[in-house]
Amino acid sequence: MSETLTLPQKHVEHEEKVKRQPPYNVILLNDDDHTYDYVENMLLALFGYPKEKGHLMAKEVDTTGRVIVLTTTREHAELKRDQIHAFGPDPHLTRCKGSMSAMIEPAPEA
């Protein structure tokens, strides 16, 4: 009599694809009521950027009117935009009445 041979079942795992959240840019907008020093200090305080990187970003926003300061998830981008809006006026300029402006926009996906 022959014995029945049972082969082990092949276990197929279904990979779950992780859906990534679309990226958003936090964009700092230029104005004439904030100094480079203010921008550098704000970027250090809110983003941890060293003075050198802050200076390059301050120069870019001054010459082009805007600079991308961070690319992240929408929720984090909204938080960082709000932190920029709440940073306060530039203490070096008496005409300065408040924080710089910032906005978020969808970033191109890589």
C-alpha atoms as a PDB file:
ATOM      1  CA  MET A   1       0.000   0.000   0.000  1.00  0.00           C
ATOM      2  CA  SER A   2       1.385   3.392  -0.859  1.00  0.00           C
ATOM      3  CA  GLU A   3       1.529   6.193   1.622  1.00  0.00           C
ATOM      4  CA  THR A   4       0.098   9.562   0.791  1.00  0.00           C
ATOM      5  CA  LEU A   5       2.720  12.225   0.795  1.00  0.00           C
ATOM      6  CA  THR A   6       1.568  15.645   1.953  1.00  0.00           C
ATOM      7  CA  LEU A   7       3.650  18.537   0.747  1.00  0.00           C
ATOM      8  CA  PRO A   8       3.917  21.626   2.911  1.00  0.00           C
ATOM      9  CA  GLN A   9       1.712  24.416   1.754  1.00  0.00           C
ATOM     10  CA  LYS A  10       3.467  27.353   0.285  1.00  0.00           C
ATOM     11  CA  HIS A  11       2.725  30.363   2.435  1.00  0.00           C
ATOM     12  CA  VAL A  12       2.394  33.460   0.317  1.00  0.00           C
ATOM     13  CA  GLU A  13       2.611  36.713   2.162  1.00  0.00           C
ATOM     14  CA  HIS A  14       0.865  39.624   0.664  1.00  0.00           C
ATOM     15  CA  GLU A  15       2.973  42.709   0.885  1.00  0.00           C
ATOM     16  CA  GLU A  16       1.028  45.679   2.006  1.00  0.00           C
ATOM     17  CA  LYS A  17       2.052  48.709   0.098  1.00  0.00           C
ATOM     18  CA  VAL A  18       2.623  51.632   2.343  1.00  0.00           C
ATOM     19  CA  LYS A  19       0.976  54.650   0.868  1.00  0.00           C
ATOM     20  CA  ARG A  20       3.204  57.620   1.407  1.00  0.00           C
ATOM     21  CA  GLN A  21       1.713  60.974   2.163  1.00  0.00           C
ATOM     22  CA  PRO A  22       2.289  63.489  -0.618  1.00  0.00           C
ATOM     23  CA  PRO A  23       5.054  65.994   0.192  1.00  0.00           C
ATOM     24  CA  TYR A  24       4.457  69.682   0.828  1.00  0.00           C
ATOM     25  CA  ASN A  25       6.870  72.607   0.674  1.00  0.00           C
ATOM     26  CA  VAL A  26       6.985  75.265   3.374  1.00  0.00           C
ATOM     27  CA  ILE A  27       7.749  78.500   1.557  1.00  0.00           C
ATOM     28  CA  LEU A  28       9.017  81.650   3.236  1.00  0.00           C
ATOM     29  CA  LEU A  29       7.887  84.820   1.444  1.00  0.00           C
ATOM     30  CA  ASN A  30       9.929  87.994   1.145  1.00  0.00           C
ATOM     31  CA  ASP A  31       9.115  91.382   2.601  1.00  0.00           C
ATOM     32  CA  ASP A  32      11.114  94.492   3.414  1.00  0.00           C
ATOM     33  CA  ASP A  33      10.344  94.473   7.135  1.00  0.00           C
ATOM     34  CA  HIS A  34      12.765  91.770   8.298  1.00  0.00           C
ATOM     35  CA  THR A  35      16.554  91.664   8.404  1.00  0.00           C
ATOM     36  CA  TYR A  36      18.832  88.812   7.377  1.00  0.00           C
ATOM     37  CA  ASP A  37      19.676  88.417  11.052  1.00  0.00           C
ATOM     38  CA  TYR A  38      15.985  87.904  11.865  1.00  0.00           C
ATOM     39  CA  VAL A  39      15.601  85.267   9.133  1.00  0.00           C
ATOM     40  CA  GLU A  40      18.776  83.469  10.245  1.00  0.00           C
ATOM     41  CA  ASN A  41      17.654  83.424  13.890  1.00  0.00           C
ATOM     42  CA  MET A  42      14.130  82.291  13.006  1.00  0.00           C
ATOM     43  CA  LEU A  43      15.416  79.425  10.832  1.00  0.00           C
ATOM     44  CA  LEU A  44      17.783  78.381  13.608  1.00  0.00           C
ATOM     45  CA  ALA A  45      15.051  78.479  16.259  1.00  0.00           C
ATOM     46  CA  LEU A  46      12.291  76.790  14.223  1.00  0.00           C
ATOM     47  CA  PHE A  47      14.226  74.421  11.958  1.00  0.00           C
ATOM     48  CA  GLY A  48      17.621  74.024  13.618  1.00  0.00           C
ATOM     49  CA  TYR A  49      19.420  75.376  10.539  1.00  0.00           C
ATOM     50  CA  PRO A  50      22.914  76.748  11.180  1.00  0.00           C
ATOM     51  CA  LYS A  51      23.544  80.461  10.560  1.00  0.00           C
ATOM     52  CA  GLU A  52      25.298  79.743   7.246  1.00  0.00           C
ATOM     53  CA  LYS A  53      22.296  77.882   5.815  1.00  0.00           C
ATOM     54  CA  GLY A  54      19.967  80.522   7.244  1.00  0.00           C
ATOM     55  CA  HIS A  55      22.006  83.236   5.540  1.00  0.00           C
ATOM     56  CA  LEU A  56      21.796  81.469   2.164  1.00  0.00           C
ATOM     57  CA  MET A  57      18.028  81.115   2.562  1.00  0.00           C
ATOM     58  CA  ALA A  58      17.698  84.772   3.624  1.00  0.00           C
ATOM     59  CA  LYS A  59      19.620  85.799   0.522  1.00  0.00           C
ATOM     60  CA  GLU A  60      17.438  83.612  -1.717  1.00  0.00           C
ATOM     61  CA  VAL A  61      14.160  84.927  -0.289  1.00  0.00           C
ATOM     62  CA  ASP A  62      15.501  88.477  -0.657  1.00  0.00           C
ATOM     63  CA  THR A  63      16.524  88.030  -4.302  1.00  0.00           C
ATOM     64  CA  THR A  64      13.776  85.714  -5.610  1.00  0.00           C
ATOM     65  CA  GLY A  65      10.869  86.600  -3.320  1.00  0.00           C
ATOM     66  CA  ARG A  66      10.525  83.107  -1.847  1.00  0.00           C
ATOM     67  CA  VAL A  67      12.514  80.175  -0.571  1.00  0.00           C
ATOM     68  CA  ILE A  68      11.562  76.604   0.265  1.00  0.00           C
ATOM     69  CA  VAL A  69      12.604  76.074   3.874  1.00  0.00           C
ATOM     70  CA  LEU A  70      11.300  72.521   4.306  1.00  0.00           C
ATOM     71  CA  THR A  71       9.619  69.689   2.416  1.00  0.00           C
ATOM     72  CA  THR A  72       7.568  67.400   4.628  1.00  0.00           C
ATOM     73  CA  THR A  73       4.090  65.997   5.215  1.00  0.00           C
ATOM     74  CA  ARG A  74       1.110  68.339   4.978  1.00  0.00           C
ATOM     75  CA  GLU A  75       0.429  68.306   8.719  1.00  0.00           C
ATOM     76  CA  HIS A  76       4.053  69.084   9.594  1.00  0.00           C
ATOM     77  CA  ALA A  77       4.213  71.756   6.873  1.00  0.00           C
ATOM     78  CA  GLU A  78       1.120  73.450   8.333  1.00  0.00           C
ATOM     79  CA  LEU A  79       2.714  73.408  11.789  1.00  0.00           C
ATOM     80  CA  LYS A  80       5.945  74.968  10.516  1.00  0.00           C
ATOM     81  CA  ARG A  81       4.053  77.619   8.518  1.00  0.00           C
ATOM     82  CA  ASP A  82       2.087  78.523  11.656  1.00  0.00           C
ATOM     83  CA  GLN A  83       5.288  78.700  13.705  1.00  0.00           C
ATOM     84  CA  ILE A  84       6.769  81.144  11.178  1.00  0.00           C
ATOM     85  CA  HIS A  85       3.608  83.276  11.420  1.00  0.00           C
ATOM     86  CA  ALA A  86       3.860  83.261  15.222  1.00  0.00           C
ATOM     87  CA  PHE A  87       7.590  84.032  15.474  1.00  0.00           C
ATOM     88  CA  GLY A  88       6.994  87.725  16.084  1.00  0.00           C
ATOM     89  CA  PRO A  89       8.368  91.002  14.765  1.00  0.00           C
ATOM     90  CA  ASP A  90      11.986  91.781  13.943  1.00  0.00           C
ATOM     91  CA  PRO A  91      13.428  93.591  16.989  1.00  0.00           C
ATOM     92  CA  HIS A  92      16.026  95.318  14.765  1.00  0.00           C
ATOM     93  CA  LEU A  93      13.459  97.283  12.732  1.00  0.00           C
ATOM     94  CA  THR A  94      11.003  99.618  14.427  1.00  0.00           C
ATOM     95  CA  ARG A  95       8.732  99.613  11.351  1.00  0.00           C
ATOM     96  CA  CYS A  96       8.323  95.827  11.608  1.00  0.00           C
ATOM     97  CA  LYS A  97       4.851  95.014  12.923  1.00  0.00           C
ATOM     98  CA  GLY A  98       4.843  91.219  12.859  1.00  0.00           C
ATOM     99  CA  SER A  99       6.229  87.941  11.648  1.00  0.00           C
ATOM    100  CA  MET A 100       7.195  87.005   8.120  1.00  0.00           C
ATOM    101  CA  SER A 101       4.687  85.339   5.826  1.00  0.00           C
ATOM    102  CA  ALA A 102       4.856  81.743   4.731  1.00  0.00           C
ATOM    103  CA  MET A 103       2.702  79.351   2.775  1.00  0.00           C
ATOM    104  CA  ILE A 104       2.583  75.684   1.924  1.00  0.00           C
ATOM    105  CA  GLU A 105       2.127  74.076  -1.468  1.00  0.00           C
ATOM    106  CA  PRO A 106       2.273  70.546  -2.809  1.00  0.00           C
ATOM    107  CA  ALA A 107       5.801  69.529  -3.727  1.00  0.00           C
ATOM    108  CA  PRO A 108       6.575  67.546  -6.845  1.00  0.00           C
ATOM    109  CA  GLU A 109       6.870  63.869  -5.947  1.00  0.00           C
ATOM    110  CA  ALA A 110      10.204  62.267  -6.654  1.00  0.00           C
END
